[in-house]
Amino acid sequence: MSDPILIWGAGAIGGTLGAAFIRAGHEVIFVDNVKDHVDAINAKGLKIVGPIFEDVVQAKACLPEDLKGTYSRTFLCVKAHHTEAAAQMLVEHLASDGYVVSAQNGLNERVIARITGENRVIGCFVNFGADYLEPGVVQYSGHGAVVIGELDGRFTDRAEDIYDLMKQFEPKALITNNIWGFLWGKLIYGALLFGTALTNDSIADVLDDPVARPVLRKLALEVATVAAINNIRLEAFDGFDPAAFGPLATPEQTNKSFDDMSVHNRKSVKSHSGIWRDLAVRKRKTEVDAQVLPVVEIGKESRVPTPLAARVIEMIHEIEDGKRPLSMENIEELARLA
């Protein structure tokens, strides 16, 4: 296709992807709701820093209300809790044969599909490290899994087109007939990250902590059990083996997965999660209601109790509201509940 690629959300994920597409020779238009970020991109370009590549790429950027025209390929890269509002706006700019690629965390494909129609959504799993640093500047801090797949498991020409595009960003990108298995696998990993974000310690340090491991294992088991009850075949990625957190996993399997995840995270210059950054640095709401709450809700529908996941949601909200400090004591409290 020759029409521009629309990147809706030019922060950590969207900025990194868009910059890579531009470097590969594609035209990109960024849409973002932060005016200072939009102005910086238009004035000086988008600057990418970090160990993978450093560059300043030139592209048009605009606020959502200023966007004109329709587009065939849209990457939705906003925070999960902004998905519905963003999808309501971008659907007006989808070409008749257009589709949305959800490069986000969570089960946002379900939300987008309610607005655009399921046939206009392509599933996407991303696990690379990136951060928005300041207006006009994004850090690409570490390689990670990138997977594309149709929601119904078919292999289609449009999915192959996006797969080819993603390989220009990440040569090890995959195309799959089981995108839900990756997305639910990431929900388990995401639950672990929310657990690590209850502290000020790095991801790797918490994953290595002997007090944290048992409670994180039980938290992950809740998510894995909800997935299993709903016939989801979980997929592994980046050293994370979701089977290691299932009901049949041995302690040796679980500890090996913790070890592998710790090694993977220690290779990245991004020592803490974006969740922690939202809580400790940016002082803003996290994606907990969009990532963990659906697990609790689906668990209730499936008659699977998820008390640890529910308590993590409460604790994250207390931190967001300034009522709870970031501390390993939060992990110890979860351990008592477990």
C-alpha atoms as a PDB file:
ATOM      1  CA  MET A   1       0.000   0.000   0.000  1.00  0.00           C
ATOM      2  CA  SER A   2       1.162   3.552  -0.710  1.00  0.00           C
ATOM      3  CA  ASP A   3      -1.181   5.528   1.555  1.00  0.00           C
ATOM      4  CA  PRO A   4       0.240   6.837   4.852  1.00  0.00           C
ATOM      5  CA  ILE A   5       0.299   4.675   7.949  1.00  0.00           C
ATOM      6  CA  LEU A   6      -1.713   6.294  10.718  1.00  0.00           C
ATOM      7  CA  ILE A   7      -0.219   5.948  14.205  1.00  0.00           C
ATOM      8  CA  TRP A   8      -2.870   6.872  16.786  1.00  0.00           C
ATOM      9  CA  GLY A   9      -0.925   7.473  19.979  1.00  0.00           C
ATOM     10  CA  ALA A  10       2.657   8.660  19.448  1.00  0.00           C
ATOM     11  CA  GLY A  11       4.038   7.712  22.852  1.00  0.00           C
ATOM     12  CA  ALA A  12       6.306   4.806  23.776  1.00  0.00           C
ATOM     13  CA  ILE A  13       4.895   2.102  21.477  1.00  0.00           C
ATOM     14  CA  GLY A  14       3.466   4.286  18.725  1.00  0.00           C
ATOM     15  CA  GLY A  15       6.475   6.580  18.542  1.00  0.00           C
ATOM     16  CA  THR A  16       8.906   3.663  18.358  1.00  0.00           C
ATOM     17  CA  LEU A  17       6.912   1.824  15.688  1.00  0.00           C
ATOM     18  CA  GLY A  18       6.279   4.963  13.649  1.00  0.00           C
ATOM     19  CA  ALA A  19       9.935   5.969  13.692  1.00  0.00           C
ATOM     20  CA  ALA A  20      10.965   2.506  12.512  1.00  0.00           C
ATOM     21  CA  PHE A  21       8.410   2.601   9.683  1.00  0.00           C
ATOM     22  CA  ILE A  22       9.679   6.009   8.594  1.00  0.00           C
ATOM     23  CA  ARG A  23      13.273   4.750   8.635  1.00  0.00           C
ATOM     24  CA  ALA A  24      12.106   1.877   6.392  1.00  0.00           C
ATOM     25  CA  GLY A  25      10.756   4.382   3.845  1.00  0.00           C
ATOM     26  CA  HIS A  26       7.058   4.564   4.749  1.00  0.00           C
ATOM     27  CA  GLU A  27       5.023   7.729   5.185  1.00  0.00           C
ATOM     28  CA  VAL A  28       3.586   8.047   8.680  1.00  0.00           C
ATOM     29  CA  ILE A  29       1.098  10.434  10.255  1.00  0.00           C
ATOM     30  CA  PHE A  30       1.082  10.648  14.049  1.00  0.00           C
ATOM     31  CA  VAL A  31      -2.055  11.459  16.046  1.00  0.00           C
ATOM     32  CA  ASP A  32      -1.690  12.292  19.728  1.00  0.00           C
ATOM     33  CA  ASN A  33      -3.760  14.159  22.309  1.00  0.00           C
ATOM     34  CA  VAL A  34      -0.749  15.834  23.981  1.00  0.00           C
ATOM     35  CA  LYS A  35      -0.378  19.180  22.216  1.00  0.00           C
ATOM     36  CA  ASP A  36       3.206  19.748  23.358  1.00  0.00           C
ATOM     37  CA  HIS A  37       4.214  16.378  21.893  1.00  0.00           C
ATOM     38  CA  VAL A  38       2.438  17.115  18.608  1.00  0.00           C
ATOM     39  CA  ASP A  39       4.029  20.569  18.395  1.00  0.00           C
ATOM     40  CA  ALA A  40       7.494  19.165  19.114  1.00  0.00           C
ATOM     41  CA  ILE A  41       7.197  16.513  16.399  1.00  0.00           C
ATOM     42  CA  ASN A  42       6.028  19.078  13.841  1.00  0.00           C
ATOM     43  CA  ALA A  43       8.747  21.570  14.797  1.00  0.00           C
ATOM     44  CA  LYS A  44      11.791  19.331  15.234  1.00  0.00           C
ATOM     45  CA  GLY A  45      10.772  15.779  14.335  1.00  0.00           C
ATOM     46  CA  LEU A  46      10.430  12.765  16.634  1.00  0.00           C
ATOM     47  CA  LYS A  47      13.654  11.882  18.414  1.00  0.00           C
ATOM     48  CA  ILE A  48      14.327   8.238  19.283  1.00  0.00           C
ATOM     49  CA  VAL A  49      17.024   7.510  21.855  1.00  0.00           C
ATOM     50  CA  GLY A  50      18.343   4.273  23.341  1.00  0.00           C
ATOM     51  CA  PRO A  51      20.627   1.341  22.541  1.00  0.00           C
ATOM     52  CA  ILE A  52      18.731  -0.050  19.513  1.00  0.00           C
ATOM     53  CA  PHE A  53      18.944   3.030  17.305  1.00  0.00           C
ATOM     54  CA  GLU A  54      19.037   6.782  17.716  1.00  0.00           C
ATOM     55  CA  ASP A  55      17.539   9.084  15.126  1.00  0.00           C
ATOM     56  CA  VAL A  56      15.316  12.071  14.513  1.00  0.00           C
ATOM     57  CA  VAL A  57      12.553  11.275  12.024  1.00  0.00           C
ATOM     58  CA  GLN A  58      10.345  13.778  10.266  1.00  0.00           C
ATOM     59  CA  ALA A  59       6.590  13.263  10.100  1.00  0.00           C
ATOM     60  CA  LYS A  60       3.333  15.150  10.268  1.00  0.00           C
ATOM     61  CA  ALA A  61       1.592  15.075  13.649  1.00  0.00           C
ATOM     62  CA  CYS A  62      -1.786  16.390  14.724  1.00  0.00           C
ATOM     63  CA  LEU A  63      -4.333  16.361  17.507  1.00  0.00           C
ATOM     64  CA  PRO A  64      -7.279  13.966  17.000  1.00  0.00           C
ATOM     65  CA  GLU A  65      -9.684  16.794  16.271  1.00  0.00           C
ATOM     66  CA  ASP A  66      -7.407  18.150  13.533  1.00  0.00           C
ATOM     67  CA  LEU A  67      -7.014  14.916  11.558  1.00  0.00           C
ATOM     68  CA  LYS A  68      -8.427  14.908   8.020  1.00  0.00           C
ATOM     69  CA  GLY A  69      -9.035  12.105   5.545  1.00  0.00           C
ATOM     70  CA  THR A  70      -9.408   8.316   5.707  1.00  0.00           C
ATOM     71  CA  TYR A  71      -6.705   5.686   6.046  1.00  0.00           C
ATOM     72  CA  SER A  72      -6.376   1.982   5.303  1.00  0.00           C
ATOM     73  CA  ARG A  73      -3.836   1.123   8.003  1.00  0.00           C
ATOM     74  CA  THR A  74      -4.191   2.474  11.531  1.00  0.00           C
ATOM     75  CA  PHE A  75      -2.076   1.391  14.474  1.00  0.00           C
ATOM     76  CA  LEU A  76      -3.834   2.111  17.754  1.00  0.00           C
ATOM     77  CA  CYS A  77      -1.123   2.641  20.378  1.00  0.00           C
ATOM     78  CA  VAL A  78      -2.836   4.539  23.188  1.00  0.00           C
ATOM     79  CA  LYS A  79      -2.941   3.400  26.818  1.00  0.00           C
ATOM     80  CA  ALA A  80      -5.493   0.615  27.220  1.00  0.00           C
ATOM     81  CA  HIS A  81      -7.912   2.686  29.304  1.00  0.00           C
ATOM     82  CA  HIS A  82      -8.113   5.245  26.476  1.00  0.00           C
ATOM     83  CA  THR A  83      -8.987   2.626  23.849  1.00  0.00           C
ATOM     84  CA  GLU A  84     -12.733   3.169  23.650  1.00  0.00           C
ATOM     85  CA  ALA A  85     -12.510   6.960  23.316  1.00  0.00           C
ATOM     86  CA  ALA A  86      -9.755   6.700  20.714  1.00  0.00           C
ATOM     87  CA  ALA A  87     -11.614   4.053  18.711  1.00  0.00           C
ATOM     88  CA  GLN A  88     -14.747   6.223  18.652  1.00  0.00           C
ATOM     89  CA  MET A  89     -12.699   9.008  17.063  1.00  0.00           C
ATOM     90  CA  LEU A  90     -10.575   6.991  14.666  1.00  0.00           C
ATOM     91  CA  VAL A  91     -13.454   4.956  13.211  1.00  0.00           C
ATOM     92  CA  GLU A  92     -14.488   8.103  11.327  1.00  0.00           C
ATOM     93  CA  HIS A  93     -11.109   8.007   9.565  1.00  0.00           C
ATOM     94  CA  LEU A  94     -11.119   4.342   8.529  1.00  0.00           C
ATOM     95  CA  ALA A  95     -11.233   3.755   4.789  1.00  0.00           C
ATOM     96  CA  SER A  96     -13.952   1.408   3.523  1.00  0.00           C
ATOM     97  CA  ASP A  97     -11.386  -1.407   3.392  1.00  0.00           C
ATOM     98  CA  GLY A  98      -9.418  -0.100   6.361  1.00  0.00           C
ATOM     99  CA  TYR A  99      -8.480  -1.863   9.571  1.00  0.00           C
ATOM    100  CA  VAL A 100      -7.039  -1.179  13.006  1.00  0.00           C
ATOM    101  CA  VAL A 101      -3.980  -2.921  14.461  1.00  0.00           C
ATOM    102  CA  SER A 102      -4.102  -2.851  18.274  1.00  0.00           C
ATOM    103  CA  ALA A 103      -0.460  -2.475  19.372  1.00  0.00           C
ATOM    104  CA  GLN A 104      -1.399  -2.235  23.048  1.00  0.00           C
ATOM    105  CA  ASN A 105      -1.520  -4.158  26.306  1.00  0.00           C
ATOM    106  CA  GLY A 106      -4.650  -6.075  27.262  1.00  0.00           C
ATOM    107  CA  LEU A 107      -7.658  -7.414  25.378  1.00  0.00           C
ATOM    108  CA  ASN A 108      -8.347  -4.153  23.558  1.00  0.00           C
ATOM    109  CA  GLU A 109      -9.264  -5.918  20.329  1.00  0.00           C
ATOM    110  CA  ARG A 110     -12.600  -6.734  21.988  1.00  0.00           C
ATOM    111  CA  VAL A 111     -13.231  -3.053  22.724  1.00  0.00           C
ATOM    112  CA  ILE A 112     -12.221  -1.868  19.254  1.00  0.00           C
ATOM    113  CA  ALA A 113     -14.307  -4.554  17.553  1.00  0.00           C
ATOM    114  CA  ARG A 114     -17.468  -3.352  19.304  1.00  0.00           C
ATOM    115  CA  ILE A 115     -16.949   0.028  17.634  1.00  0.00           C
ATOM    116  CA  THR A 116     -15.449  -0.803  14.239  1.00  0.00           C
ATOM    117  CA  GLY A 117     -16.735  -4.322  13.683  1.00  0.00           C
ATOM    118  CA  GLU A 118     -14.582  -7.406  14.289  1.00  0.00           C
ATOM    119  CA  ASN A 119     -13.643  -7.720  10.607  1.00  0.00           C
ATOM    120  CA  ARG A 120     -11.822  -4.373  10.813  1.00  0.00           C
ATOM    121  CA  VAL A 121      -9.476  -5.357  13.637  1.00  0.00           C
ATOM    122  CA  ILE A 122      -6.151  -7.199  13.419  1.00  0.00           C
ATOM    123  CA  GLY A 123      -4.682  -8.587  16.607  1.00  0.00           C
ATOM    124  CA  CYS A 124      -1.216  -7.515  17.638  1.00  0.00           C
ATOM    125  CA  PHE A 125       1.087  -8.514  20.499  1.00  0.00           C
ATOM    126  CA  VAL A 126       4.096  -6.351  21.394  1.00  0.00           C
ATOM    127  CA  ASN A 127       6.586  -6.777  24.213  1.00  0.00           C
ATOM    128  CA  PHE A 128       9.479  -4.483  23.340  1.00  0.00           C
ATOM    129  CA  GLY A 129      10.775  -1.940  25.847  1.00  0.00           C
ATOM    130  CA  ALA A 130      10.017   1.732  25.260  1.00  0.00           C
ATOM    131  CA  ASP A 131       9.212   4.905  27.190  1.00  0.00           C
ATOM    132  CA  TYR A 132       7.886   8.360  26.429  1.00  0.00           C
ATOM    133  CA  LEU A 133      10.465  10.712  27.954  1.00  0.00           C
ATOM    134  CA  GLU A 134       9.322  14.220  27.063  1.00  0.00           C
ATOM    135  CA  PRO A 135       7.588  16.048  24.204  1.00  0.00           C
ATOM    136  CA  GLY A 136       9.212  14.943  20.975  1.00  0.00           C
ATOM    137  CA  VAL A 137      11.404  12.274  22.607  1.00  0.00           C
ATOM    138  CA  VAL A 138      10.815   8.512  22.957  1.00  0.00           C
ATOM    139  CA  GLN A 139      13.257   5.895  24.242  1.00  0.00           C
ATOM    140  CA  TYR A 140      13.449   2.517  22.494  1.00  0.00           C
ATOM    141  CA  SER A 141      15.150   0.497  25.192  1.00  0.00           C
ATOM    142  CA  GLY A 142      14.960  -3.189  24.301  1.00  0.00           C
ATOM    143  CA  HIS A 143      13.954  -5.786  21.737  1.00  0.00           C
ATOM    144  CA  GLY A 144      10.901  -7.929  22.471  1.00  0.00           C
ATOM    145  CA  ALA A 145       8.366 -10.210  20.851  1.00  0.00           C
ATOM    146  CA  VAL A 146       6.116  -8.820  18.089  1.00  0.00           C
ATOM    147  CA  VAL A 147       3.255 -10.992  16.813  1.00  0.00           C
ATOM    148  CA  ILE A 148       0.455 -10.359  14.291  1.00  0.00           C
ATOM    149  CA  GLY A 149      -2.693 -12.418  13.820  1.00  0.00           C
ATOM    150  CA  GLU A 150      -6.299 -12.271  12.698  1.00  0.00           C
ATOM    151  CA  LEU A 151      -8.788 -12.565  15.561  1.00  0.00           C
ATOM    152  CA  ASP A 152     -10.437 -15.618  13.970  1.00  0.00           C
ATOM    153  CA  GLY A 153      -7.120 -17.364  13.326  1.00  0.00           C
ATOM    154  CA  ARG A 154      -7.188 -17.114   9.533  1.00  0.00           C
ATOM    155  CA  PHE A 155      -4.092 -16.235   7.509  1.00  0.00           C
ATOM    156  CA  THR A 156      -5.061 -13.328   5.240  1.00  0.00           C
ATOM    157  CA  ASP A 157      -3.327 -11.038   2.777  1.00  0.00           C
ATOM    158  CA  ARG A 158      -3.810  -8.012   5.023  1.00  0.00           C
ATOM    159  CA  ALA A 159      -2.311  -9.809   8.013  1.00  0.00           C
ATOM    160  CA  GLU A 160       0.633 -10.843   5.843  1.00  0.00           C
ATOM    161  CA  ASP A 161       1.046  -7.193   4.779  1.00  0.00           C
ATOM    162  CA  ILE A 162       1.206  -6.044   8.412  1.00  0.00           C
ATOM    163  CA  TYR A 163       3.536  -8.939   9.215  1.00  0.00           C
ATOM    164  CA  ASP A 164       5.907  -7.803   6.442  1.00  0.00           C
ATOM    165  CA  LEU A 165       5.726  -4.264   7.811  1.00  0.00           C
ATOM    166  CA  MET A 166       6.455  -5.400  11.365  1.00  0.00           C
ATOM    167  CA  LYS A 167       9.485  -7.385  10.199  1.00  0.00           C
ATOM    168  CA  GLN A 168      10.982  -4.077   9.091  1.00  0.00           C
ATOM    169  CA  PHE A 169      10.767  -3.031  12.737  1.00  0.00           C
ATOM    170  CA  GLU A 170      11.583  -6.371  14.408  1.00  0.00           C
ATOM    171  CA  PRO A 171      13.158  -9.025  12.158  1.00  0.00           C
ATOM    172  CA  LYS A 172      12.036 -11.769  14.563  1.00  0.00           C
ATOM    173  CA  ALA A 173       8.355 -10.759  14.332  1.00  0.00           C
ATOM    174  CA  LEU A 174       5.851 -13.615  13.967  1.00  0.00           C
ATOM    175  CA  ILE A 175       2.467 -14.213  12.379  1.00  0.00           C
ATOM    176  CA  THR A 176       0.119 -16.586  14.199  1.00  0.00           C
ATOM    177  CA  ASN A 177      -3.263 -18.319  14.058  1.00  0.00           C
ATOM    178  CA  ASN A 178      -3.499 -17.985  17.861  1.00  0.00           C
ATOM    179  CA  ILE A 179      -3.182 -14.294  18.659  1.00  0.00           C
ATOM    180  CA  TRP A 180      -5.484 -14.701  21.690  1.00  0.00           C
ATOM    181  CA  GLY A 181      -2.985 -17.149  23.161  1.00  0.00           C
ATOM    182  CA  PHE A 182      -0.304 -14.457  23.042  1.00  0.00           C
ATOM    183  CA  LEU A 183      -2.611 -11.746  24.383  1.00  0.00           C
ATOM    184  CA  TRP A 184      -3.707 -13.878  27.337  1.00  0.00           C
ATOM    185  CA  GLY A 185      -0.100 -14.905  27.926  1.00  0.00           C
ATOM    186  CA  LYS A 186       0.738 -11.212  28.140  1.00  0.00           C
ATOM    187  CA  LEU A 187      -2.117 -10.764  30.644  1.00  0.00           C
ATOM    188  CA  ILE A 188      -0.366 -13.241  32.926  1.00  0.00           C
ATOM    189  CA  TYR A 189       2.930 -11.447  32.447  1.00  0.00           C
ATOM    190  CA  GLY A 190       1.151  -8.121  32.889  1.00  0.00           C
ATOM    191  CA  ALA A 191      -0.286  -9.261  36.214  1.00  0.00           C
ATOM    192  CA  LEU A 192       3.266 -10.053  37.321  1.00  0.00           C
ATOM    193  CA  LEU A 193       4.398  -6.577  36.204  1.00  0.00           C
ATOM    194  CA  PHE A 194       1.603  -4.951  38.197  1.00  0.00           C
ATOM    195  CA  GLY A 195       2.863  -6.951  41.145  1.00  0.00           C
ATOM    196  CA  THR A 196       6.432  -5.690  40.663  1.00  0.00           C
ATOM    197  CA  ALA A 197       5.119  -2.137  40.287  1.00  0.00           C
ATOM    198  CA  LEU A 198       3.797  -2.215  43.848  1.00  0.00           C
ATOM    199  CA  THR A 199       7.440  -1.699  44.873  1.00  0.00           C
ATOM    200  CA  ASN A 200      10.262   0.670  43.962  1.00  0.00           C
ATOM    201  CA  ASP A 201      12.539  -2.244  43.074  1.00  0.00           C
ATOM    202  CA  SER A 202      13.399  -3.159  39.482  1.00  0.00           C
ATOM    203  CA  ILE A 203      11.408  -5.818  37.627  1.00  0.00           C
ATOM    204  CA  ALA A 204      14.321  -8.245  37.739  1.00  0.00           C
ATOM    205  CA  ASP A 205      14.969  -7.684  41.451  1.00  0.00           C
ATOM    206  CA  VAL A 206      11.338  -8.391  42.393  1.00  0.00           C
ATOM    207  CA  LEU A 207      11.201 -11.462  40.158  1.00  0.00           C
ATOM    208  CA  ASP A 208      14.311 -12.749  41.937  1.00  0.00           C
ATOM    209  CA  ASP A 209      12.986 -12.016  45.432  1.00  0.00           C
ATOM    210  CA  PRO A 210      12.210 -15.212  47.421  1.00  0.00           C
ATOM    211  CA  VAL A 211       9.314 -13.510  49.232  1.00  0.00           C
ATOM    212  CA  ALA A 212       7.761 -12.171  46.026  1.00  0.00           C
ATOM    213  CA  ARG A 213       7.982 -15.313  43.910  1.00  0.00           C
ATOM    214  CA  PRO A 214       5.319 -17.425  45.691  1.00  0.00           C
ATOM    215  CA  VAL A 215       2.703 -14.668  45.727  1.00  0.00           C
ATOM    216  CA  LEU A 216       3.437 -13.663  42.131  1.00  0.00           C
ATOM    217  CA  ARG A 217       3.094 -17.295  41.123  1.00  0.00           C
ATOM    218  CA  LYS A 218      -0.365 -17.471  42.733  1.00  0.00           C
ATOM    219  CA  LEU A 219      -1.383 -14.177  41.098  1.00  0.00           C
ATOM    220  CA  ALA A 220      -0.342 -15.527  37.704  1.00  0.00           C
ATOM    221  CA  LEU A 221      -2.158 -18.802  38.396  1.00  0.00           C
ATOM    222  CA  GLU A 222      -5.442 -16.922  38.800  1.00  0.00           C
ATOM    223  CA  VAL A 223      -5.084 -15.421  35.314  1.00  0.00           C
ATOM    224  CA  ALA A 224      -3.928 -18.715  33.801  1.00  0.00           C
ATOM    225  CA  THR A 225      -6.918 -20.535  35.307  1.00  0.00           C
ATOM    226  CA  VAL A 226      -9.392 -18.020  33.841  1.00  0.00           C
ATOM    227  CA  ALA A 227      -7.710 -18.479  30.449  1.00  0.00           C
ATOM    228  CA  ALA A 228      -7.834 -22.279  30.722  1.00  0.00           C
ATOM    229  CA  ILE A 229     -11.531 -22.300  31.642  1.00  0.00           C
ATOM    230  CA  ASN A 230     -12.161 -20.226  28.505  1.00  0.00           C
ATOM    231  CA  ASN A 231     -10.228 -22.651  26.277  1.00  0.00           C
ATOM    232  CA  ILE A 232      -7.327 -20.305  25.577  1.00  0.00           C
ATOM    233  CA  ARG A 233      -4.138 -22.054  24.435  1.00  0.00           C
ATOM    234  CA  LEU A 234      -1.443 -19.863  25.954  1.00  0.00           C
ATOM    235  CA  GLU A 235       1.719 -18.949  24.032  1.00  0.00           C
ATOM    236  CA  ALA A 236       5.228 -18.342  25.379  1.00  0.00           C
ATOM    237  CA  PHE A 237       7.367 -15.292  24.599  1.00  0.00           C
ATOM    238  CA  ASP A 238      10.658 -13.617  25.609  1.00  0.00           C
ATOM    239  CA  GLY A 239      11.592 -16.189  28.221  1.00  0.00           C
ATOM    240  CA  PHE A 240       8.106 -16.198  29.720  1.00  0.00           C
ATOM    241  CA  ASP A 241       6.427 -19.602  29.716  1.00  0.00           C
ATOM    242  CA  PRO A 242       2.746 -19.256  30.723  1.00  0.00           C
ATOM    243  CA  ALA A 243       2.559 -23.015  31.257  1.00  0.00           C
ATOM    244  CA  ALA A 244       4.979 -22.500  34.158  1.00  0.00           C
ATOM    245  CA  PHE A 245       2.190 -20.659  35.990  1.00  0.00           C
ATOM    246  CA  GLY A 246      -0.641 -23.060  35.230  1.00  0.00           C
ATOM    247  CA  PRO A 247      -2.238 -25.505  37.693  1.00  0.00           C
ATOM    248  CA  LEU A 248      -0.052 -28.416  36.529  1.00  0.00           C
ATOM    249  CA  ALA A 249       3.263 -26.554  36.710  1.00  0.00           C
ATOM    250  CA  THR A 250       6.011 -27.863  38.960  1.00  0.00           C
ATOM    251  CA  PRO A 251       8.021 -25.529  41.227  1.00  0.00           C
ATOM    252  CA  GLU A 252      11.032 -26.174  38.990  1.00  0.00           C
ATOM    253  CA  GLN A 253       9.125 -24.976  35.902  1.00  0.00           C
ATOM    254  CA  THR A 254       7.940 -21.839  37.680  1.00  0.00           C
ATOM    255  CA  ASN A 255      11.374 -20.965  39.042  1.00  0.00           C
ATOM    256  CA  LYS A 256      12.955 -21.479  35.620  1.00  0.00           C
ATOM    257  CA  SER A 257      10.454 -19.056  34.072  1.00  0.00           C
ATOM    258  CA  PHE A 258      11.170 -16.519  36.821  1.00  0.00           C
ATOM    259  CA  ASP A 259      14.902 -16.956  36.141  1.00  0.00           C
ATOM    260  CA  ASP A 260      14.435 -16.550  32.375  1.00  0.00           C
ATOM    261  CA  MET A 261      12.291 -13.426  32.791  1.00  0.00           C
ATOM    262  CA  SER A 262      14.838 -11.938  35.167  1.00  0.00           C
ATOM    263  CA  VAL A 263      17.649 -12.515  32.663  1.00  0.00           C
ATOM    264  CA  HIS A 264      15.579 -10.976  29.857  1.00  0.00           C
ATOM    265  CA  ASN A 265      14.752  -7.876  31.914  1.00  0.00           C
ATOM    266  CA  ARG A 266      18.330  -7.362  33.079  1.00  0.00           C
ATOM    267  CA  LYS A 267      19.363  -7.057  29.415  1.00  0.00           C
ATOM    268  CA  SER A 268      17.103  -4.034  28.933  1.00  0.00           C
ATOM    269  CA  VAL A 269      18.001  -0.478  29.908  1.00  0.00           C
ATOM    270  CA  LYS A 270      14.361  -0.213  30.969  1.00  0.00           C
ATOM    271  CA  SER A 271      14.710  -1.548  34.514  1.00  0.00           C
ATOM    272  CA  HIS A 272      11.169  -0.697  35.656  1.00  0.00           C
ATOM    273  CA  SER A 273       7.837  -1.195  33.933  1.00  0.00           C
ATOM    274  CA  GLY A 274       5.721   1.502  32.340  1.00  0.00           C
ATOM    275  CA  ILE A 275       3.254   0.778  35.137  1.00  0.00           C
ATOM    276  CA  TRP A 276       5.833   1.784  37.743  1.00  0.00           C
ATOM    277  CA  ARG A 277       6.695   4.862  35.691  1.00  0.00           C
ATOM    278  CA  ASP A 278       3.026   5.910  35.635  1.00  0.00           C
ATOM    279  CA  LEU A 279       2.840   5.520  39.420  1.00  0.00           C
ATOM    280  CA  ALA A 280       6.227   6.824  40.545  1.00  0.00           C
ATOM    281  CA  VAL A 281       7.251   9.347  37.897  1.00  0.00           C
ATOM    282  CA  ARG A 282       4.295  10.551  35.871  1.00  0.00           C
ATOM    283  CA  LYS A 283       1.800  10.332  38.751  1.00  0.00           C
ATOM    284  CA  ARG A 284      -1.077   9.273  36.524  1.00  0.00           C
ATOM    285  CA  LYS A 285      -3.607   6.483  36.220  1.00  0.00           C
ATOM    286  CA  THR A 286      -2.325   3.108  35.078  1.00  0.00           C
ATOM    287  CA  GLU A 287      -3.894   0.536  32.772  1.00  0.00           C
ATOM    288  CA  VAL A 288      -4.927  -1.707  35.666  1.00  0.00           C
ATOM    289  CA  ASP A 289      -8.678  -1.407  34.969  1.00  0.00           C
ATOM    290  CA  ALA A 290      -8.117  -2.267  31.311  1.00  0.00           C
ATOM    291  CA  GLN A 291      -5.612  -5.077  31.873  1.00  0.00           C
ATOM    292  CA  VAL A 292      -6.385  -6.808  35.176  1.00  0.00           C
ATOM    293  CA  LEU A 293     -10.046  -5.960  35.752  1.00  0.00           C
ATOM    294  CA  PRO A 294     -11.235  -7.869  32.630  1.00  0.00           C
ATOM    295  CA  VAL A 295      -9.588 -10.988  34.087  1.00  0.00           C
ATOM    296  CA  VAL A 296     -11.543 -10.540  37.331  1.00  0.00           C
ATOM    297  CA  GLU A 297     -14.776  -9.914  35.410  1.00  0.00           C
ATOM    298  CA  ILE A 298     -14.314 -12.884  33.060  1.00  0.00           C
ATOM    299  CA  GLY A 299     -13.347 -14.923  36.112  1.00  0.00           C
ATOM    300  CA  LYS A 300     -16.659 -14.085  37.782  1.00  0.00           C
ATOM    301  CA  GLU A 301     -18.548 -15.065  34.621  1.00  0.00           C
ATOM    302  CA  SER A 302     -16.581 -18.321  34.531  1.00  0.00           C
ATOM    303  CA  ARG A 303     -16.930 -18.973  38.291  1.00  0.00           C
ATOM    304  CA  VAL A 304     -13.163 -18.706  38.813  1.00  0.00           C
ATOM    305  CA  PRO A 305     -12.198 -16.750  41.963  1.00  0.00           C
ATOM    306  CA  THR A 306      -9.429 -14.158  41.524  1.00  0.00           C
ATOM    307  CA  PRO A 307      -8.889 -12.602  44.988  1.00  0.00           C
ATOM    308  CA  LEU A 308      -5.233 -11.666  44.452  1.00  0.00           C
ATOM    309  CA  ALA A 309      -5.940  -9.974  41.125  1.00  0.00           C
ATOM    310  CA  ALA A 310      -8.823  -8.056  42.713  1.00  0.00           C
ATOM    311  CA  ARG A 311      -6.591  -6.938  45.599  1.00  0.00           C
ATOM    312  CA  VAL A 312      -3.820  -5.818  43.225  1.00  0.00           C
ATOM    313  CA  ILE A 313      -6.366  -3.600  41.460  1.00  0.00           C
ATOM    314  CA  GLU A 314      -7.359  -2.054  44.803  1.00  0.00           C
ATOM    315  CA  MET A 315      -3.726  -1.514  45.827  1.00  0.00           C
ATOM    316  CA  ILE A 316      -2.801   0.099  42.517  1.00  0.00           C
ATOM    317  CA  HIS A 317      -5.744   2.499  42.863  1.00  0.00           C
ATOM    318  CA  GLU A 318      -4.624   3.347  46.398  1.00  0.00           C
ATOM    319  CA  ILE A 319      -1.139   4.166  45.078  1.00  0.00           C
ATOM    320  CA  GLU A 320      -2.642   6.240  42.254  1.00  0.00           C
ATOM    321  CA  ASP A 321      -4.640   8.205  44.839  1.00  0.00           C
ATOM    322  CA  GLY A 322      -1.613   8.793  47.069  1.00  0.00           C
ATOM    323  CA  LYS A 323      -3.009   6.588  49.850  1.00  0.00           C
ATOM    324  CA  ARG A 324      -0.371   3.843  49.674  1.00  0.00           C
ATOM    325  CA  PRO A 325       3.419   4.083  49.174  1.00  0.00           C
ATOM    326  CA  LEU A 326       5.416   1.949  46.767  1.00  0.00           C
ATOM    327  CA  SER A 327       7.084  -0.659  48.946  1.00  0.00           C
ATOM    328  CA  MET A 328       7.965  -4.350  49.269  1.00  0.00           C
ATOM    329  CA  GLU A 329       5.513  -4.310  52.179  1.00  0.00           C
ATOM    330  CA  ASN A 330       2.767  -4.393  49.545  1.00  0.00           C
ATOM    331  CA  ILE A 331       4.102  -7.737  48.298  1.00  0.00           C
ATOM    332  CA  GLU A 332       4.211  -8.994  51.882  1.00  0.00           C
ATOM    333  CA  GLU A 333       0.564  -7.952  52.336  1.00  0.00           C
ATOM    334  CA  LEU A 334      -0.404  -9.892  49.201  1.00  0.00           C
ATOM    335  CA  ALA A 335       1.537 -12.867  50.525  1.00  0.00           C
ATOM    336  CA  ARG A 336      -0.560 -12.864  53.691  1.00  0.00           C
ATOM    337  CA  LEU A 337      -3.732 -12.815  51.578  1.00  0.00           C
ATOM    338  CA  ALA A 338      -2.408 -15.667  49.424  1.00  0.00           C
END
